[in-house]
Protein backbone atom coordinates (compact mmCIF):
# COMPACT_ATOMS: atom_id res chain seq x y z
CA MET A 1 106.00 83.82 82.75
CA ASP A 2 103.08 81.60 83.74
CA PRO A 3 101.43 80.25 80.54
CA ARG A 4 98.00 81.03 81.98
CA SER A 5 99.10 84.62 82.49
CA PHE A 6 100.29 84.90 78.91
CA LEU A 7 97.10 83.51 77.56
CA VAL A 8 95.07 86.08 79.60
CA ARG A 9 97.25 88.88 78.38
CA THR A 10 96.84 87.73 74.76
CA LEU A 11 92.94 87.54 75.18
CA ALA A 12 92.76 91.04 76.87
CA LEU A 13 94.89 92.63 74.21
CA GLY A 14 92.90 90.88 71.34
CA MET A 15 89.49 91.92 72.55
CA VAL A 16 87.48 93.92 70.20
CA VAL A 17 84.48 95.91 71.46
CA THR A 18 81.78 97.31 68.95
CA THR A 19 79.44 99.20 71.27
CA GLY A 20 79.51 101.98 73.85
CA PHE A 21 80.08 101.79 77.55
CA GLY A 22 76.72 101.55 79.18
CA CYS A 23 75.10 98.39 80.32
CA THR A 24 71.39 97.61 80.85
CA SER A 25 69.62 94.77 82.41
CA THR A 26 70.27 92.73 79.27
CA PRO A 27 74.12 91.94 79.01
CA CYS A 28 75.72 94.36 76.52
CA PRO A 29 78.06 93.11 73.74
CA PRO A 30 81.13 93.96 75.45
CA CYS A 31 80.12 92.12 78.66
CA GLU A 32 78.89 89.21 76.61
CA GLU A 33 82.23 88.98 74.72
CA ALA A 34 84.43 89.43 77.71
CA THR A 35 82.36 86.78 79.59
CA ALA A 36 82.59 84.36 76.57
CA SER A 37 86.32 84.87 76.42
CA ALA A 38 86.75 84.24 80.06
CA GLU A 39 84.60 81.08 79.83
CA GLU A 40 86.57 79.77 76.76
CA ALA A 41 90.04 80.24 78.34
CA LYS A 42 90.94 77.45 80.67
CA GLY A 43 94.18 77.26 82.64
CA SER A 44 96.23 73.99 83.08
CA ASP A 45 94.29 73.26 86.16
CA GLY A 46 90.95 73.35 84.26
CA GLU A 47 89.83 76.52 85.98
CA PRO A 48 88.82 79.66 83.87
CA VAL A 49 91.76 82.12 83.63
CA SER A 50 89.50 84.94 84.58
CA GLY A 51 89.75 83.74 88.10
CA HIS A 52 93.42 84.63 88.13
CA HIS A 53 92.54 88.39 87.64
CA TYR A 54 95.52 89.08 85.40
CA THR A 55 94.52 91.38 82.68
CA LEU A 56 90.97 90.65 82.04
CA PRO A 57 88.75 93.06 84.00
CA GLY A 58 86.27 91.98 86.74
CA LEU A 59 83.10 92.74 84.96
CA ASP A 60 81.24 93.37 88.46
CA HIS A 61 83.25 96.68 88.47
CA GLY A 62 82.06 98.08 85.10
CA LEU A 63 83.92 98.87 81.93
CA LEU A 64 85.83 102.03 82.97
CA GLN A 65 88.52 100.48 85.00
CA SER A 66 92.14 101.49 85.76
CA PRO A 67 94.99 101.15 85.22
CA VAL A 68 95.56 100.78 81.54
CA ASN A 69 98.27 100.04 78.98
CA ILE A 70 98.64 103.25 77.02
CA LEU A 71 99.54 102.81 73.39
CA SER A 72 101.16 106.14 72.40
CA HIS A 73 100.46 105.61 68.77
CA GLU A 74 96.83 105.24 69.28
CA THR A 75 96.08 108.35 71.31
CA GLU A 76 93.95 111.25 70.22
CA ALA A 77 94.65 114.99 70.06
CA GLY A 78 93.09 116.83 72.94
CA LYS A 79 93.51 120.03 74.87
CA HIS A 80 93.09 120.34 78.58
CA ASN A 81 93.90 123.25 80.91
CA ILE A 82 95.55 122.58 84.26
CA LYS A 83 96.42 125.09 87.00
CA PHE A 84 97.96 124.21 90.28
CA GLY A 85 97.67 126.10 93.64
CA GLY A 86 100.74 127.50 95.12
CA ALA A 87 100.92 125.75 98.43
CA ASP A 88 102.28 122.07 98.45
CA GLU A 89 103.78 121.31 101.78
CA ALA A 90 103.14 117.88 103.05
CA GLU A 91 101.75 117.28 106.60
CA GLU A 92 101.95 113.57 107.49
CA VAL A 93 103.33 110.32 106.16
CA ALA A 94 101.29 107.01 106.89
CA ASN A 95 102.28 103.38 106.61
CA LEU A 96 99.11 101.79 105.51
CA GLY A 97 100.67 98.40 104.97
CA THR A 98 99.44 98.22 101.42
CA THR A 99 101.07 101.64 100.44
CA VAL A 100 103.01 104.55 101.94
CA GLU A 101 100.68 107.70 101.88
CA VAL A 102 101.65 111.40 102.24
CA SER A 103 98.80 113.68 103.28
CA PHE A 104 98.55 117.56 102.74
CA GLY A 105 96.76 120.37 104.38
CA ARG A 106 93.30 121.63 103.45
CA GLY A 107 92.72 124.29 100.79
CA ILE A 108 95.39 123.10 98.34
CA THR A 109 93.76 122.93 94.95
CA THR A 110 94.21 122.11 91.48
CA GLU A 111 91.94 123.31 88.54
CA PHE A 112 91.37 121.07 85.69
CA ASP A 113 89.23 122.10 82.67
CA GLY A 114 87.61 124.73 84.81
CA LYS A 115 86.67 122.40 87.58
CA VAL A 116 88.42 122.80 90.96
CA TYR A 117 89.72 119.78 92.75
CA GLU A 118 91.32 119.67 96.34
CA LEU A 119 94.60 117.93 96.83
CA LEU A 120 94.10 115.09 99.35
CA GLN A 121 97.16 112.81 99.32
CA LEU A 122 99.64 111.00 97.25
CA HIS A 123 100.63 107.37 97.54
CA PHE A 124 103.14 104.98 95.66
CA HIS A 125 102.90 101.72 93.81
CA THR A 126 105.77 99.50 93.29
CA PRO A 127 105.95 98.54 90.49
CA ALA A 128 103.91 101.04 88.44
CA GLU A 129 100.33 100.33 87.55
CA HIS A 130 100.13 102.13 84.30
CA LEU A 131 101.96 100.74 81.29
CA ILE A 132 103.41 102.90 78.42
CA ASP A 133 103.59 100.79 75.16
CA GLY A 134 103.73 97.81 77.32
CA ILE A 135 106.66 99.12 79.49
CA THR A 136 106.37 98.69 83.23
CA TYR A 137 108.24 101.25 85.41
CA PRO A 138 109.48 100.32 88.99
CA MET A 139 107.43 102.91 90.58
CA GLU A 140 104.37 105.18 90.20
CA VAL A 141 103.13 108.01 92.44
CA HIS A 142 99.37 108.84 92.40
CA VAL A 143 98.53 112.42 93.32
CA VAL A 144 95.00 112.30 94.46
CA HIS A 145 92.41 115.24 94.25
CA ARG A 146 88.78 115.10 94.95
CA GLY A 147 85.84 117.39 93.73
CA PRO A 148 82.29 117.31 94.46
CA GLY A 149 79.84 115.08 92.53
CA SER A 150 77.71 116.60 89.96
CA ALA A 151 74.55 115.55 91.82
CA ALA A 152 73.83 114.91 95.50
CA PHE A 153 73.89 111.07 95.28
CA ASP A 154 76.71 110.85 92.72
CA PRO A 155 80.21 109.55 93.85
CA PRO A 156 82.87 112.11 94.26
CA ALA A 157 84.76 113.18 91.17
CA TYR A 158 88.43 112.52 91.32
CA LEU A 159 91.47 113.92 89.44
CA VAL A 160 94.53 111.69 89.83
CA ILE A 161 97.92 112.67 88.47
CA SER A 162 100.20 109.61 87.75
CA LEU A 163 103.86 110.14 87.88
CA LEU A 164 105.91 107.41 86.43
CA VAL A 165 109.43 106.78 88.04
CA ARG A 166 112.52 105.17 86.80
CA MET A 167 115.78 104.39 88.28
CA GLY A 168 118.28 107.16 88.20
CA ALA A 169 119.40 110.06 90.55
CA GLU A 170 118.31 110.47 94.02
CA ASN A 171 114.91 112.06 94.33
CA ARG A 172 114.94 114.95 96.75
CA PHE A 173 111.18 114.64 97.76
CA LEU A 174 111.67 111.13 98.71
CA ALA A 175 114.88 111.99 100.54
CA GLU A 176 113.02 114.40 102.66
CA PHE A 177 110.49 111.90 104.23
CA LEU A 178 111.41 108.34 103.44
CA ASN A 179 113.44 107.75 106.63
CA ALA A 180 110.54 109.12 108.60
CA VAL A 181 108.05 106.57 107.22
CA PRO A 182 106.81 104.47 110.42
CA PRO A 183 108.10 100.80 110.20
CA GLU A 184 104.64 99.42 111.37
CA LYS A 185 101.36 99.28 109.47
CA GLY A 186 98.81 101.88 110.67
CA GLN A 187 101.41 104.24 112.05
CA VAL A 188 101.62 107.92 111.23
CA ALA A 189 104.59 110.42 111.48
CA LYS A 190 104.38 114.32 111.17
CA LEU A 191 106.40 115.91 108.51
CA HIS A 192 108.21 119.19 108.33
CA ASP A 193 109.77 121.00 105.36
CA VAL A 194 108.57 118.41 102.91
CA PHE A 195 107.35 119.87 99.53
CA LEU A 196 105.87 118.21 96.64
CA HIS A 197 107.82 120.35 94.06
CA ASP A 198 111.03 118.73 95.36
CA MET A 199 109.94 115.55 93.52
CA PHE A 200 110.74 117.28 90.20
CA ARG A 201 113.91 118.15 88.65
CA SER A 202 114.89 121.88 88.41
CA GLY A 203 112.93 123.56 85.73
CA PHE A 204 110.10 120.99 85.62
CA ASP A 205 106.80 122.86 84.90
CA PHE A 206 104.05 120.84 86.46
CA GLU A 207 101.39 122.95 84.46
CA ASN A 208 102.89 122.60 81.15
CA ILE A 209 104.33 119.19 80.88
CA HIS A 210 102.46 116.76 78.66
CA TYR A 211 99.85 114.29 80.03
CA TYR A 212 97.96 111.24 78.69
CA HIS A 213 94.23 111.75 79.75
CA TYR A 214 91.49 109.27 79.90
CA ARG A 215 88.33 108.41 82.03
CA GLY A 216 88.87 105.66 84.45
CA SER A 217 88.55 104.37 88.10
CA LEU A 218 90.34 104.22 91.37
CA THR A 219 92.72 101.18 91.24
CA THR A 220 91.86 100.17 94.90
CA PRO A 221 88.35 99.07 96.28
CA PRO A 222 85.69 100.17 95.65
CA TYR A 223 87.15 100.89 92.06
CA THR A 224 85.00 104.03 91.71
CA GLU A 225 84.53 104.99 88.02
CA SER A 226 84.62 108.73 88.48
CA VAL A 227 88.27 109.51 87.83
CA ASP A 228 89.96 111.84 85.31
CA TRP A 229 93.46 110.37 84.91
CA LEU A 230 96.45 112.53 83.86
CA VAL A 231 99.34 110.31 83.13
CA ALA A 232 102.50 112.50 82.92
CA LYS A 233 104.63 111.65 79.70
CA GLU A 234 107.81 113.02 81.57
CA VAL A 235 109.39 110.12 83.75
CA LEU A 236 110.81 111.13 87.08
CA GLU A 237 113.89 109.67 88.67
CA ALA A 238 114.64 108.09 92.01
CA ALA A 239 117.69 106.25 93.25
CA PRO A 240 117.47 102.48 93.13
CA ALA A 241 117.82 102.20 96.98
CA GLN A 242 114.80 104.62 97.46
CA ILE A 243 112.66 102.55 95.14
CA GLN A 244 113.72 99.38 96.87
CA ARG A 245 112.94 100.88 100.22
CA MET A 246 109.53 101.96 99.25
CA ASN A 247 108.86 98.41 97.96
CA VAL A 248 110.15 96.93 101.29
CA LEU A 249 107.60 99.21 103.19
CA GLU A 250 104.54 98.45 100.96
CA GLY A 251 105.20 95.43 98.98
CA ASP A 252 104.19 94.69 95.20
CA ASN A 253 100.86 96.60 95.24
CA ALA A 254 100.27 97.20 91.42
CA ARG A 255 96.80 96.25 90.02
CA HIS A 256 97.03 94.58 86.82
CA VAL A 257 96.08 96.58 83.65
CA GLN A 258 92.42 96.65 82.65
CA ALA A 259 90.76 96.57 79.05
CA LEU A 260 89.96 99.87 77.49
CA TYR A 261 86.50 99.00 75.93
CA ARG A 262 87.07 101.59 73.26
CA ARG A 263 87.84 104.46 75.67
CA GLU A 264 89.82 107.19 74.01
CA ILE A 265 93.15 108.30 75.43
CA ASP A 266 94.01 111.84 74.49
CA GLU A 267 97.04 113.91 75.03
């Protein structure tokens, strides 16, 4: 491990915040503390380690950034209601260069705590972006939903379900479309008889499994901070060859973990 990376990870995990999330025109204590930590930390080349963008968040994006390292022993008790629509057939798969994206038809919805979100697409990260107790899995699936903003000029509200994947048995869902992914960036292929529920083992109940929940952001630009994250505790399986193939297609595309700034993670 690069010693500069180790230093940044240490600083990020050791950061203590004593105020809320909001910032005003005067720098708030979390911003001042993070900035001070970044200024004090110098790499072997004399440059601030914050410039290496490892685990210290970029403060220009705010204090509700994702992904995060979820420490299971520090989560809070919570109760959320989730209800999925019946249809889940995929329509297209696209090679975006930075990820493989599977899109769905209109009208497929998920209800979370009484609010209805429309299923847009799912995409992959290799390796996983969210960590559980410091453990990185080889792949993560983001099932992205969008709802309306609460006001006309608000950014859209997102619900993203995170599914962590370990190496194991072949995944039926991946087997249904992986060979159809176009080899070139920007290409799209139609899909037939590809269903999201095939990602899960027999008897897997998507509505009643346990999730970690927190408020965060998109993990790609513009890093919009209007996301309810549901990170499934149950880890899925995919064959090593399937995960490796996905990584060949999209490369290493995981954003580094971000500081929590006293956000609560409930389950």
